[in-house]
Amino acid sequence: MYLLMAIINDPNKVVYILEGFLRIGIEGATIVDSIGMAHLVADRVPVFSRFAALGVSERYNRMIFVLIDDKEEVDGAIEVIEHVVGDLTQPETGLVWVLPVERCIGLNKVYKDKKDKNK
């Protein structure tokens, strides 16, 4: 199992990513509002206020957390994200990283039953 985390710079694109996830069989994700360091520092330290103007006009971005069973599904999720936001190596698109999950406690029974049926 893997944990895919993505910071999406344009919050309006997240719904399209989630629709893409559904099309490839990813049925659950958690979305969190987040704010970049430049915007937060600009609010607190006047000398840094110019940094906020250097980024995108949208102040907040979104983080997506999703547990994924296998590497092929991870690749599919990244393809969906890039299809929506563009090439992730370009500025103002987003950031994606994936970590292996050794143990996860609390997934609901429906998810477990679905997994067992796919074996």
Protein backbone atom coordinates (compact mmCIF):
# COMPACT_ATOMS: atom_id res chain seq x y z
CA MET A 1 0.00 0.00 0.00
CA TYR A 2 1.13 3.56 -0.72
CA LEU A 3 0.22 7.02 0.49
CA LEU A 4 0.09 9.53 -2.35
CA MET A 5 0.15 13.15 -1.22
CA ALA A 6 -0.30 16.05 -3.61
CA ILE A 7 -0.28 19.79 -3.18
CA ILE A 8 -2.39 21.30 -5.95
CA ASN A 9 -1.72 24.99 -6.55
CA ASP A 10 -5.07 25.74 -8.19
CA PRO A 11 -7.81 24.63 -5.79
CA ASN A 12 -10.39 24.79 -8.59
CA LYS A 13 -8.70 21.83 -10.31
CA VAL A 14 -9.06 19.43 -7.39
CA VAL A 15 -12.61 18.38 -8.31
CA TYR A 16 -11.38 17.36 -11.78
CA ILE A 17 -8.59 15.31 -10.22
CA LEU A 18 -11.11 13.54 -7.98
CA GLU A 19 -13.34 12.83 -11.00
CA GLY A 20 -10.30 11.32 -12.73
CA PHE A 21 -9.52 9.24 -9.67
CA LEU A 22 -13.06 7.83 -9.74
CA ARG A 23 -12.64 6.91 -13.42
CA ILE A 24 -9.56 4.82 -12.61
CA GLY A 25 -11.10 3.18 -9.54
CA ILE A 26 -9.76 5.33 -6.70
CA GLU A 27 -12.83 5.85 -4.56
CA GLY A 28 -11.53 7.66 -1.49
CA ALA A 29 -9.28 10.61 -0.74
CA THR A 30 -8.96 13.31 1.88
CA ILE A 31 -8.68 16.96 0.87
CA VAL A 32 -7.17 19.60 3.15
CA ASP A 33 -6.89 23.34 2.63
CA SER A 34 -3.30 24.52 2.93
CA ILE A 35 -1.29 27.69 2.61
CA GLY A 36 2.24 28.16 1.36
CA MET A 37 5.00 29.57 3.49
CA ALA A 38 5.37 32.77 1.46
CA HIS A 39 1.76 33.77 2.03
CA LEU A 40 1.85 32.94 5.71
CA VAL A 41 5.11 34.80 6.32
CA ALA A 42 3.86 37.76 4.27
CA ASP A 43 0.91 38.06 6.65
CA ARG A 44 3.16 38.14 9.72
CA VAL A 45 6.38 39.83 8.60
CA PRO A 46 6.00 42.99 6.51
CA VAL A 47 9.46 42.74 4.96
CA PHE A 48 8.33 39.48 3.29
CA SER A 49 5.03 40.84 1.96
CA ARG A 50 6.46 41.00 -1.58
CA PHE A 51 6.85 37.19 -1.61
CA ALA A 52 3.09 36.68 -1.69
CA ALA A 53 2.92 38.63 -4.94
CA LEU A 54 5.48 36.32 -6.56
CA GLY A 55 3.24 33.23 -6.42
CA VAL A 56 -0.12 32.47 -7.92
CA SER A 57 -2.97 34.83 -7.23
CA GLU A 58 -4.86 32.18 -5.24
CA ARG A 59 -3.75 32.32 -1.63
CA TYR A 60 -4.72 28.80 -0.59
CA ASN A 61 -3.98 25.50 -2.25
CA ARG A 62 -5.28 22.00 -1.57
CA MET A 63 -3.59 18.85 -0.35
CA ILE A 64 -4.86 15.47 -1.45
CA PHE A 65 -4.13 12.37 0.63
CA VAL A 66 -5.02 9.01 -0.87
CA LEU A 67 -4.15 5.43 0.03
CA ILE A 68 -3.42 3.33 -3.02
CA ASP A 69 -2.94 -0.43 -3.25
CA ASP A 70 -0.30 -0.88 -5.94
CA LYS A 71 2.31 0.92 -8.04
CA GLU A 72 0.23 0.76 -11.23
CA GLU A 73 -2.60 2.59 -9.50
CA VAL A 74 -0.08 5.15 -8.18
CA ASP A 75 1.12 5.73 -11.75
CA GLY A 76 -2.49 6.14 -12.88
CA ALA A 77 -3.20 8.66 -10.13
CA ILE A 78 -0.14 10.72 -11.09
CA GLU A 79 -1.23 10.63 -14.74
CA VAL A 80 -4.65 11.95 -13.72
CA ILE A 81 -3.08 14.77 -11.72
CA GLU A 82 -0.77 15.77 -14.57
CA HIS A 83 -3.61 15.59 -17.07
CA VAL A 84 -5.51 18.14 -14.98
CA VAL A 85 -2.75 20.48 -13.73
CA GLY A 86 -0.12 20.00 -16.42
CA ASP A 87 3.48 18.87 -16.21
CA LEU A 88 4.39 18.77 -12.52
CA THR A 89 7.97 19.77 -13.33
CA GLN A 90 6.63 23.19 -14.36
CA PRO A 91 6.02 26.02 -11.89
CA GLU A 92 2.61 26.73 -10.38
CA THR A 93 1.20 23.24 -10.98
CA GLY A 94 1.71 21.25 -7.83
CA LEU A 95 3.82 18.73 -6.02
CA VAL A 96 3.29 14.98 -5.64
CA TRP A 97 5.10 12.49 -3.46
CA VAL A 98 4.45 8.86 -2.60
CA LEU A 99 5.41 6.91 0.50
CA PRO A 100 5.12 3.20 1.23
CA VAL A 101 2.66 2.38 4.01
CA GLU A 102 3.69 -0.51 6.19
CA ARG A 103 0.55 -0.54 8.30
CA CYS A 104 -2.83 1.16 8.25
CA ILE A 105 -5.44 0.78 10.95
CA GLY A 106 -9.00 2.02 10.59
CA LEU A 107 -9.89 1.48 6.96
CA ASN A 108 -13.56 0.64 6.84
CA LYS A 109 -14.88 -2.85 6.21
CA VAL A 110 -16.22 -1.96 2.76
CA TYR A 111 -12.67 -1.18 1.59
CA LYS A 112 -11.37 -4.46 3.09
CA ASP A 113 -14.15 -6.49 1.47
CA LYS A 114 -13.47 -4.88 -1.92
CA LYS A 115 -9.78 -5.67 -1.61
CA ASP A 116 -10.46 -9.31 -0.63
CA LYS A 117 -12.77 -9.77 -3.66
CA ASN A 118 -10.06 -8.50 -6.02
CA LYS A 119 -7.54 -11.15 -4.90
